[in-house]
Amino acid sequence: MKKTAFVFLAPGFEETEAIGTLDILRRGGLAAEFVSITDSLEVQGANGITVKADRLMDNLPAVDALVLPGGLPGAEHLNNCEPLHALLSAYYTQGKLVAAICAAPMVFGSLGFVNGRKATCYPGFESKLEGATYTAEAATCDGHVITGKGPACVFAFALEVVRYLQGDQAADEVAAGTLFR
């Protein structure tokens, strides 16, 4: 059975992080979909690009990973979405993969997911990683929590998600096929 992931869209999301991550996850063999946290499938990103999500948050099936792109004010909207907090908390407690890039690791900081873990985020958001050891890496995996630094790091971040769910060979094949490094 194919591994699955949801990438959540909030108004003001970082388009490069959302679209790039979804693309890399699909290249890595995952059944990945966009989920809108709004009541509309169409969500406008921080740079005016509108993306049509695959689903709304209502009645989501179980998946293997939940992924949060950053961007502002997108990450703030994610951080203020109580239904998303509940879903993330359930996945985190079950030991399922949760991943966030750029400003979105602030959500993990507010939920206590990075307390005692290594994590990275967009420069200037380090204080939002409550209790974490900041790495400044492009992508950091600590247990079942993956964080990414920012838009230019989307390949490293998404490949960490692929590596976690699909293994080294799948991640290495996607990296080679996309000429990453």
N, C-alpha and C. Protein backbone atom coordinates (compact mmCIF):
# COMPACT_ATOMS: atom_id res chain seq x y z
N MET A 1 0.83 -1.18 0.00
CA MET A 1 0.00 0.00 0.00
C MET A 1 0.88 1.25 0.00
N LYS A 2 0.50 2.22 -0.83
CA LYS A 2 1.26 3.45 -0.97
C LYS A 2 1.19 4.29 0.30
N LYS A 3 2.33 4.86 0.71
CA LYS A 3 2.36 5.79 1.83
C LYS A 3 1.68 7.09 1.42
N THR A 4 1.12 7.78 2.40
CA THR A 4 0.30 8.96 2.12
C THR A 4 0.72 10.15 2.97
N ALA A 5 0.46 11.36 2.45
CA ALA A 5 0.78 12.58 3.18
C ALA A 5 -0.19 13.69 2.78
N PHE A 6 -0.47 14.57 3.74
CA PHE A 6 -1.24 15.77 3.47
C PHE A 6 -0.33 16.97 3.66
N VAL A 7 -0.41 17.92 2.72
CA VAL A 7 0.30 19.19 2.81
C VAL A 7 -0.79 20.25 2.97
N PHE A 8 -0.75 20.98 4.07
CA PHE A 8 -1.82 21.91 4.43
C PHE A 8 -1.59 23.31 3.86
N LEU A 9 -2.67 23.88 3.31
CA LEU A 9 -2.61 25.22 2.73
C LEU A 9 -3.45 26.18 3.56
N ALA A 10 -2.86 27.31 3.91
CA ALA A 10 -3.55 28.40 4.59
C ALA A 10 -3.30 29.67 3.79
N PRO A 11 -4.21 30.62 3.81
CA PRO A 11 -3.99 31.86 3.07
C PRO A 11 -2.65 32.49 3.44
N GLY A 12 -1.86 32.80 2.40
CA GLY A 12 -0.54 33.37 2.62
C GLY A 12 0.56 32.34 2.76
N PHE A 13 0.30 31.10 2.31
CA PHE A 13 1.34 30.06 2.36
C PHE A 13 2.46 30.39 1.39
N GLU A 14 3.64 29.86 1.62
CA GLU A 14 4.79 30.03 0.72
C GLU A 14 4.64 29.03 -0.42
N GLU A 15 4.40 29.54 -1.60
CA GLU A 15 4.12 28.69 -2.76
C GLU A 15 5.24 27.72 -3.09
N THR A 16 6.48 28.17 -3.07
CA THR A 16 7.61 27.30 -3.39
C THR A 16 7.65 26.11 -2.44
N GLU A 17 7.42 26.36 -1.17
CA GLU A 17 7.48 25.28 -0.18
C GLU A 17 6.33 24.31 -0.34
N ALA A 18 5.14 24.80 -0.60
CA ALA A 18 3.98 23.93 -0.73
C ALA A 18 4.06 23.09 -2.01
N ILE A 19 4.22 23.76 -3.14
CA ILE A 19 4.21 23.07 -4.43
C ILE A 19 5.46 22.20 -4.57
N GLY A 20 6.61 22.73 -4.19
CA GLY A 20 7.84 21.96 -4.28
C GLY A 20 7.80 20.72 -3.42
N THR A 21 7.28 20.85 -2.21
CA THR A 21 7.19 19.69 -1.32
C THR A 21 6.24 18.65 -1.88
N LEU A 22 5.07 19.06 -2.32
CA LEU A 22 4.11 18.10 -2.88
C LEU A 22 4.71 17.38 -4.08
N ASP A 23 5.39 18.12 -4.94
CA ASP A 23 6.02 17.52 -6.11
C ASP A 23 7.07 16.47 -5.73
N ILE A 24 7.95 16.81 -4.80
CA ILE A 24 8.99 15.86 -4.38
C ILE A 24 8.37 14.64 -3.70
N LEU A 25 7.34 14.84 -2.89
CA LEU A 25 6.69 13.69 -2.25
C LEU A 25 6.10 12.75 -3.29
N ARG A 26 5.46 13.30 -4.30
CA ARG A 26 4.88 12.47 -5.36
C ARG A 26 5.97 11.77 -6.16
N ARG A 27 7.04 12.47 -6.47
CA ARG A 27 8.17 11.84 -7.17
C ARG A 27 8.74 10.68 -6.36
N GLY A 28 8.66 10.81 -5.03
CA GLY A 28 9.16 9.78 -4.14
C GLY A 28 8.19 8.62 -3.92
N GLY A 29 7.09 8.62 -4.65
CA GLY A 29 6.16 7.50 -4.59
C GLY A 29 5.05 7.64 -3.57
N LEU A 30 4.93 8.81 -2.96
CA LEU A 30 3.87 9.01 -1.97
C LEU A 30 2.59 9.49 -2.65
N ALA A 31 1.47 9.10 -2.09
CA ALA A 31 0.19 9.67 -2.50
C ALA A 31 0.00 10.91 -1.63
N ALA A 32 0.40 12.06 -2.15
CA ALA A 32 0.36 13.30 -1.39
C ALA A 32 -0.70 14.22 -1.96
N GLU A 33 -1.40 14.91 -1.07
CA GLU A 33 -2.47 15.81 -1.47
C GLU A 33 -2.40 17.11 -0.68
N PHE A 34 -2.93 18.17 -1.29
CA PHE A 34 -3.10 19.44 -0.60
C PHE A 34 -4.42 19.42 0.17
N VAL A 35 -4.40 19.99 1.38
CA VAL A 35 -5.60 20.15 2.18
C VAL A 35 -5.73 21.62 2.55
N SER A 36 -6.87 22.22 2.26
CA SER A 36 -7.14 23.61 2.62
C SER A 36 -7.68 23.66 4.04
N ILE A 37 -7.15 24.59 4.84
CA ILE A 37 -7.70 24.77 6.19
C ILE A 37 -8.87 25.76 6.16
N THR A 38 -9.19 26.31 4.99
CA THR A 38 -10.30 27.23 4.85
C THR A 38 -11.55 26.46 4.40
N ASP A 39 -12.62 27.19 4.11
CA ASP A 39 -13.83 26.54 3.61
C ASP A 39 -13.88 26.51 2.08
N SER A 40 -12.75 26.85 1.45
CA SER A 40 -12.65 26.85 -0.01
C SER A 40 -11.47 25.99 -0.44
N LEU A 41 -11.63 25.31 -1.57
CA LEU A 41 -10.51 24.54 -2.11
C LEU A 41 -9.42 25.46 -2.66
N GLU A 42 -9.79 26.66 -3.12
CA GLU A 42 -8.82 27.59 -3.67
C GLU A 42 -8.22 28.43 -2.57
N VAL A 43 -6.87 28.41 -2.49
CA VAL A 43 -6.16 29.13 -1.45
C VAL A 43 -5.07 29.97 -2.12
N GLN A 44 -5.03 31.26 -1.77
CA GLN A 44 -4.03 32.15 -2.35
C GLN A 44 -2.78 32.19 -1.49
N GLY A 45 -1.63 32.03 -2.14
CA GLY A 45 -0.36 32.05 -1.45
C GLY A 45 0.15 33.45 -1.18
N ALA A 46 1.28 33.55 -0.51
CA ALA A 46 1.88 34.82 -0.11
C ALA A 46 2.27 35.69 -1.30
N ASN A 47 2.53 35.07 -2.44
CA ASN A 47 2.96 35.82 -3.61
C ASN A 47 1.89 35.90 -4.69
N GLY A 48 0.64 35.71 -4.28
CA GLY A 48 -0.49 35.89 -5.18
C GLY A 48 -0.81 34.72 -6.08
N ILE A 49 -0.19 33.58 -5.88
CA ILE A 49 -0.49 32.39 -6.67
C ILE A 49 -1.57 31.59 -5.96
N THR A 50 -2.66 31.33 -6.67
CA THR A 50 -3.77 30.57 -6.10
C THR A 50 -3.62 29.10 -6.47
N VAL A 51 -3.74 28.25 -5.48
CA VAL A 51 -3.62 26.80 -5.67
C VAL A 51 -4.94 26.16 -5.27
N LYS A 52 -5.36 25.18 -6.05
CA LYS A 52 -6.58 24.45 -5.73
C LYS A 52 -6.20 23.20 -4.93
N ALA A 53 -6.69 23.15 -3.70
CA ALA A 53 -6.42 22.00 -2.84
C ALA A 53 -7.22 20.79 -3.32
N ASP A 54 -6.79 19.62 -2.89
CA ASP A 54 -7.48 18.38 -3.21
C ASP A 54 -8.65 18.12 -2.26
N ARG A 55 -8.53 18.65 -1.05
CA ARG A 55 -9.52 18.38 0.00
C ARG A 55 -9.66 19.56 0.93
N LEU A 56 -10.77 19.55 1.67
CA LEU A 56 -10.95 20.43 2.81
C LEU A 56 -10.64 19.62 4.07
N MET A 57 -10.60 20.27 5.21
CA MET A 57 -10.24 19.58 6.46
C MET A 57 -11.31 18.63 6.99
N ASP A 58 -12.51 18.71 6.47
CA ASP A 58 -13.60 17.86 6.95
C ASP A 58 -13.34 16.38 6.67
N ASN A 59 -13.50 15.55 7.66
CA ASN A 59 -13.46 14.09 7.51
C ASN A 59 -12.24 13.58 6.76
N LEU A 60 -11.08 13.98 7.19
CA LEU A 60 -9.85 13.53 6.53
C LEU A 60 -9.56 12.07 6.89
N PRO A 61 -9.19 11.26 5.90
CA PRO A 61 -8.78 9.90 6.22
C PRO A 61 -7.40 9.91 6.88
N ALA A 62 -7.04 8.83 7.50
CA ALA A 62 -5.71 8.72 8.12
C ALA A 62 -4.65 8.66 7.03
N VAL A 63 -3.52 9.32 7.28
CA VAL A 63 -2.37 9.29 6.38
C VAL A 63 -1.12 9.01 7.20
N ASP A 64 0.01 8.90 6.50
CA ASP A 64 1.27 8.60 7.18
C ASP A 64 2.02 9.83 7.66
N ALA A 65 1.71 11.02 7.08
CA ALA A 65 2.44 12.22 7.46
C ALA A 65 1.59 13.47 7.24
N LEU A 66 1.83 14.46 8.10
CA LEU A 66 1.22 15.78 7.97
C LEU A 66 2.34 16.78 7.76
N VAL A 67 2.20 17.63 6.74
CA VAL A 67 3.27 18.55 6.35
C VAL A 67 2.74 19.99 6.29
N LEU A 68 3.51 20.91 6.88
CA LEU A 68 3.13 22.32 6.90
C LEU A 68 4.13 23.18 6.16
N PRO A 69 3.71 23.83 5.06
CA PRO A 69 4.59 24.82 4.43
C PRO A 69 4.55 26.10 5.25
N GLY A 70 5.56 26.93 5.08
CA GLY A 70 5.61 28.18 5.81
C GLY A 70 5.01 29.33 5.03
N GLY A 71 5.65 30.47 5.12
CA GLY A 71 5.14 31.69 4.52
C GLY A 71 4.33 32.48 5.53
N LEU A 72 4.25 33.77 5.27
CA LEU A 72 3.45 34.64 6.13
C LEU A 72 2.42 35.38 5.30
N PRO A 73 1.21 35.44 5.76
CA PRO A 73 0.74 35.03 7.08
C PRO A 73 0.30 33.57 7.17
N GLY A 74 0.63 32.75 6.17
CA GLY A 74 0.18 31.36 6.15
C GLY A 74 0.50 30.58 7.41
N ALA A 75 1.76 30.67 7.88
CA ALA A 75 2.16 29.92 9.07
C ALA A 75 1.38 30.39 10.30
N GLU A 76 1.07 31.69 10.36
CA GLU A 76 0.27 32.19 11.48
C GLU A 76 -1.14 31.63 11.44
N HIS A 77 -1.71 31.54 10.23
CA HIS A 77 -3.04 30.94 10.08
C HIS A 77 -3.02 29.47 10.51
N LEU A 78 -1.97 28.75 10.13
CA LEU A 78 -1.84 27.35 10.57
C LEU A 78 -1.76 27.28 12.09
N ASN A 79 -1.01 28.20 12.67
CA ASN A 79 -0.81 28.20 14.12
C ASN A 79 -2.09 28.56 14.88
N ASN A 80 -3.02 29.23 14.22
CA ASN A 80 -4.28 29.62 14.85
C ASN A 80 -5.44 28.69 14.51
N CYS A 81 -5.17 27.61 13.81
CA CYS A 81 -6.23 26.68 13.37
C CYS A 81 -6.38 25.55 14.38
N GLU A 82 -7.38 25.65 15.24
CA GLU A 82 -7.59 24.64 16.29
C GLU A 82 -7.82 23.23 15.74
N PRO A 83 -8.63 23.05 14.68
CA PRO A 83 -8.78 21.68 14.15
C PRO A 83 -7.45 21.09 13.68
N LEU A 84 -6.59 21.92 13.11
CA LEU A 84 -5.26 21.44 12.68
C LEU A 84 -4.42 21.09 13.89
N HIS A 85 -4.48 21.91 14.94
CA HIS A 85 -3.74 21.61 16.18
C HIS A 85 -4.15 20.25 16.72
N ALA A 86 -5.45 19.98 16.75
CA ALA A 86 -5.95 18.71 17.27
C ALA A 86 -5.44 17.54 16.43
N LEU A 87 -5.48 17.70 15.11
CA LEU A 87 -5.01 16.65 14.21
C LEU A 87 -3.51 16.41 14.38
N LEU A 88 -2.74 17.49 14.38
CA LEU A 88 -1.29 17.37 14.57
C LEU A 88 -0.96 16.70 15.90
N SER A 89 -1.64 17.10 16.95
CA SER A 89 -1.38 16.53 18.28
C SER A 89 -1.66 15.04 18.31
N ALA A 90 -2.74 14.62 17.65
CA ALA A 90 -3.07 13.19 17.59
C ALA A 90 -1.98 12.43 16.85
N TYR A 91 -1.52 12.96 15.72
CA TYR A 91 -0.47 12.29 14.96
C TYR A 91 0.83 12.25 15.75
N TYR A 92 1.19 13.36 16.36
CA TYR A 92 2.43 13.43 17.13
C TYR A 92 2.40 12.40 18.26
N THR A 93 1.30 12.33 18.98
CA THR A 93 1.16 11.39 20.10
C THR A 93 1.26 9.94 19.62
N GLN A 94 0.76 9.66 18.42
CA GLN A 94 0.81 8.31 17.86
C GLN A 94 2.17 7.98 17.26
N GLY A 95 3.09 8.95 17.25
CA GLY A 95 4.42 8.71 16.69
C GLY A 95 4.44 8.78 15.18
N LYS A 96 3.42 9.37 14.56
CA LYS A 96 3.40 9.54 13.11
C LYS A 96 4.20 10.78 12.73
N LEU A 97 4.66 10.80 11.49
CA LEU A 97 5.51 11.89 11.02
C LEU A 97 4.75 13.20 10.92
N VAL A 98 5.35 14.25 11.49
CA VAL A 98 4.88 15.63 11.32
C VAL A 98 6.08 16.42 10.82
N ALA A 99 5.84 17.29 9.83
CA ALA A 99 6.93 18.05 9.22
C ALA A 99 6.47 19.48 8.95
N ALA A 100 7.39 20.43 9.12
CA ALA A 100 7.08 21.84 8.89
C ALA A 100 8.33 22.57 8.44
N ILE A 101 8.15 23.55 7.56
CA ILE A 101 9.28 24.29 7.01
C ILE A 101 9.07 25.80 7.16
N CYS A 102 10.18 26.53 7.22
CA CYS A 102 10.21 27.99 7.21
C CYS A 102 9.66 28.56 8.51
N ALA A 103 8.57 29.31 8.46
CA ALA A 103 7.96 29.85 9.68
C ALA A 103 7.03 28.84 10.34
N ALA A 104 6.60 27.81 9.62
CA ALA A 104 5.63 26.85 10.14
C ALA A 104 6.11 26.03 11.34
N PRO A 105 7.41 25.80 11.55
CA PRO A 105 7.80 25.11 12.78
C PRO A 105 7.33 25.83 14.05
N MET A 106 6.91 27.10 13.92
CA MET A 106 6.34 27.80 15.08
C MET A 106 5.14 27.04 15.63
N VAL A 107 4.40 26.36 14.74
CA VAL A 107 3.26 25.56 15.18
C VAL A 107 3.74 24.44 16.10
N PHE A 108 4.83 23.80 15.72
CA PHE A 108 5.39 22.72 16.54
C PHE A 108 5.90 23.26 17.87
N GLY A 109 6.47 24.46 17.83
CA GLY A 109 6.93 25.09 19.06
C GLY A 109 5.78 25.35 20.01
N SER A 110 4.69 25.86 19.49
CA SER A 110 3.54 26.17 20.35
C SER A 110 2.86 24.92 20.88
N LEU A 111 3.00 23.80 20.17
CA LEU A 111 2.39 22.54 20.60
C LEU A 111 3.34 21.69 21.44
N GLY A 112 4.58 22.13 21.59
CA GLY A 112 5.55 21.39 22.40
C GLY A 112 6.24 20.24 21.67
N PHE A 113 6.09 20.16 20.36
CA PHE A 113 6.66 19.05 19.59
C PHE A 113 8.17 19.09 19.49
N VAL A 114 8.78 20.28 19.58
CA VAL A 114 10.23 20.38 19.42
C VAL A 114 10.96 20.53 20.75
N ASN A 115 10.24 20.51 21.84
CA ASN A 115 10.86 20.62 23.15
C ASN A 115 11.80 19.43 23.36
N GLY A 116 13.08 19.70 23.57
CA GLY A 116 14.07 18.65 23.75
C GLY A 116 14.55 18.01 22.46
N ARG A 117 14.17 18.58 21.32
CA ARG A 117 14.57 18.05 20.01
C ARG A 117 15.45 19.07 19.28
N LYS A 118 16.13 18.59 18.25
CA LYS A 118 16.82 19.47 17.32
C LYS A 118 15.80 19.93 16.28
N ALA A 119 15.90 21.20 15.87
CA ALA A 119 14.96 21.72 14.87
C ALA A 119 15.58 22.91 14.16
N THR A 120 15.02 23.23 13.01
CA THR A 120 15.44 24.41 12.25
C THR A 120 14.20 25.16 11.81
N CYS A 121 14.41 26.39 11.33
CA CYS A 121 13.30 27.22 10.86
C CYS A 121 13.89 28.42 10.12
N TYR A 122 13.02 29.26 9.63
CA TYR A 122 13.45 30.48 8.95
C TYR A 122 14.15 31.39 9.96
N PRO A 123 15.28 32.01 9.59
CA PRO A 123 15.97 32.89 10.51
C PRO A 123 15.05 33.99 11.07
N GLY A 124 15.11 34.17 12.36
CA GLY A 124 14.26 35.13 13.04
C GLY A 124 13.09 34.47 13.77
N PHE A 125 12.85 33.19 13.49
CA PHE A 125 11.77 32.45 14.15
C PHE A 125 12.29 31.46 15.19
N GLU A 126 13.59 31.52 15.46
CA GLU A 126 14.19 30.58 16.40
C GLU A 126 13.51 30.62 17.77
N SER A 127 13.10 31.78 18.22
CA SER A 127 12.47 31.90 19.54
C SER A 127 11.12 31.18 19.60
N LYS A 128 10.54 30.89 18.45
CA LYS A 128 9.26 30.17 18.40
C LYS A 128 9.43 28.66 18.56
N LEU A 129 10.68 28.19 18.51
CA LEU A 129 10.97 26.75 18.66
C LEU A 129 11.21 26.46 20.14
N GLU A 130 10.17 26.60 20.93
CA GLU A 130 10.29 26.51 22.39
C GLU A 130 10.89 25.18 22.84
N GLY A 131 12.05 25.28 23.52
CA GLY A 131 12.70 24.11 24.08
C GLY A 131 13.57 23.34 23.11
N ALA A 132 13.68 23.81 21.87
CA ALA A 132 14.46 23.09 20.86
C ALA A 132 15.92 23.54 20.84
N THR A 133 16.77 22.69 20.31
CA THR A 133 18.14 23.06 19.98
C THR A 133 18.12 23.44 18.51
N TYR A 134 18.35 24.70 18.21
CA TYR A 134 18.30 25.20 16.83
C TYR A 134 19.54 24.74 16.07
N THR A 135 19.33 24.15 14.88
CA THR A 135 20.46 23.60 14.11
C THR A 135 20.93 24.49 12.97
N ALA A 136 20.08 25.35 12.43
CA ALA A 136 20.38 26.17 11.25
C ALA A 136 20.59 25.34 10.00
N GLU A 137 20.29 24.05 10.05
CA GLU A 137 20.42 23.17 8.88
C GLU A 137 19.30 23.44 7.87
N ALA A 138 19.52 23.01 6.64
CA ALA A 138 18.47 23.12 5.62
C ALA A 138 17.26 22.30 6.03
N ALA A 139 17.50 21.12 6.58
CA ALA A 139 16.43 20.25 7.07
C ALA A 139 16.98 19.45 8.24
N THR A 140 16.14 19.28 9.25
CA THR A 140 16.53 18.54 10.45
C THR A 140 15.47 17.50 10.76
N CYS A 141 15.89 16.26 10.92
CA CYS A 141 14.99 15.18 11.32
C CYS A 141 15.40 14.74 12.72
N ASP A 142 14.48 14.81 13.66
CA ASP A 142 14.72 14.33 15.03
C ASP A 142 13.52 13.49 15.42
N GLY A 143 13.70 12.18 15.36
CA GLY A 143 12.59 11.28 15.63
C GLY A 143 11.56 11.39 14.52
N HIS A 144 10.30 11.56 14.90
CA HIS A 144 9.23 11.66 13.89
C HIS A 144 8.83 13.11 13.62
N VAL A 145 9.79 14.04 13.85
CA VAL A 145 9.57 15.46 13.58
C VAL A 145 10.65 15.94 12.61
N ILE A 146 10.21 16.49 11.47
CA ILE A 146 11.13 17.05 10.48
C ILE A 146 10.83 18.53 10.35
N THR A 147 11.89 19.34 10.37
CA THR A 147 11.74 20.78 10.16
C THR A 147 12.68 21.22 9.05
N GLY A 148 12.28 22.29 8.34
CA GLY A 148 13.08 22.84 7.26
C GLY A 148 13.27 24.33 7.45
N LYS A 149 14.32 24.86 6.82
CA LYS A 149 14.73 26.25 7.07
C LYS A 149 13.96 27.28 6.25
N GLY A 150 13.73 27.04 4.96
CA GLY A 150 13.05 28.05 4.15
C GLY A 150 12.94 27.66 2.70
N PRO A 151 12.45 28.58 1.86
CA PRO A 151 12.15 28.26 0.46
C PRO A 151 13.29 27.59 -0.31
N ALA A 152 14.51 28.07 -0.16
CA ALA A 152 15.63 27.48 -0.90
C ALA A 152 15.97 26.08 -0.40
N CYS A 153 15.41 25.70 0.71
CA CYS A 153 15.71 24.40 1.34
C CYS A 153 14.60 23.37 1.09
N VAL A 154 13.68 23.69 0.20
CA VAL A 154 12.52 22.81 0.01
C VAL A 154 12.93 21.41 -0.46
N PHE A 155 13.94 21.30 -1.29
CA PHE A 155 14.37 19.98 -1.75
C PHE A 155 14.91 19.16 -0.58
N ALA A 156 15.80 19.75 0.21
CA ALA A 156 16.36 19.03 1.36
C ALA A 156 15.25 18.61 2.32
N PHE A 157 14.32 19.50 2.57
CA PHE A 157 13.19 19.23 3.48
C PHE A 157 12.31 18.10 2.96
N ALA A 158 11.84 18.23 1.73
CA ALA A 158 10.93 17.23 1.17
C ALA A 158 11.63 15.88 1.01
N LEU A 159 12.92 15.89 0.67
CA LEU A 159 13.65 14.64 0.56
C LEU A 159 13.79 13.96 1.91
N GLU A 160 13.87 14.72 3.00
CA GLU A 160 13.89 14.11 4.34
C GLU A 160 12.57 13.40 4.62
N VAL A 161 11.47 13.98 4.18
CA VAL A 161 10.16 13.34 4.35
C VAL A 161 10.12 12.05 3.54
N VAL A 162 10.57 12.11 2.29
CA VAL A 162 10.63 10.90 1.45
C VAL A 162 11.53 9.85 2.10
N ARG A 163 12.68 10.27 2.56
CA ARG A 163 13.64 9.35 3.19
C ARG A 163 12.99 8.67 4.41
N TYR A 164 12.30 9.44 5.23
CA TYR A 164 11.66 8.90 6.43
C TYR A 164 10.58 7.87 6.08
N LEU A 165 9.78 8.18 5.08
CA LEU A 165 8.64 7.30 4.75
C LEU A 165 8.96 6.20 3.74
N GLN A 166 9.91 6.47 2.82
CA GLN A 166 10.15 5.55 1.72
C GLN A 166 11.55 4.93 1.73
N GLY A 167 12.45 5.47 2.55
CA GLY A 167 13.78 4.92 2.64
C GLY A 167 14.81 5.68 1.82
N ASP A 168 16.07 5.32 2.06
CA ASP A 168 17.20 6.00 1.42
C ASP A 168 17.18 5.88 -0.09
N GLN A 169 16.87 4.69 -0.60
CA GLN A 169 16.92 4.49 -2.05
C GLN A 169 15.95 5.41 -2.77
N ALA A 170 14.72 5.51 -2.28
CA ALA A 170 13.72 6.38 -2.91
C ALA A 170 14.18 7.83 -2.87
N ALA A 171 14.67 8.28 -1.71
CA ALA A 171 15.12 9.66 -1.58
C ALA A 171 16.32 9.94 -2.50
N ASP A 172 17.26 8.99 -2.55
CA ASP A 172 18.44 9.17 -3.40
C ASP A 172 18.06 9.21 -4.88
N GLU A 173 17.09 8.39 -5.28
CA GLU A 173 16.65 8.39 -6.69
C GLU A 173 15.99 9.72 -7.06
N VAL A 174 15.16 10.25 -6.16
CA VAL A 174 14.52 11.55 -6.43
C VAL A 174 15.58 12.65 -6.47
N ALA A 175 16.53 12.61 -5.55
CA ALA A 175 17.60 13.61 -5.53
C ALA A 175 18.38 13.57 -6.84
N ALA A 176 18.73 12.37 -7.30
CA ALA A 176 19.49 12.23 -8.55
C ALA A 176 18.65 12.70 -9.74
N GLY A 177 17.38 12.32 -9.77
CA GLY A 177 16.51 12.68 -10.88
C GLY A 177 16.22 14.18 -10.98
N THR A 178 16.31 14.88 -9.87
CA THR A 178 16.06 16.33 -9.86
C THR A 178 17.37 17.14 -9.87
N LEU A 179 18.50 16.42 -9.93
CA LEU A 179 19.83 17.03 -9.94
C LEU A 179 20.12 17.78 -8.64
N PHE A 180 19.52 17.30 -7.54
CA PHE A 180 19.79 17.92 -6.24
C PHE A 180 21.16 17.47 -5.77
N ARG A 181 22.05 18.41 -5.53
CA ARG A 181 23.44 18.23 -5.12
C ARG A 181 24.20 17.53 -6.19
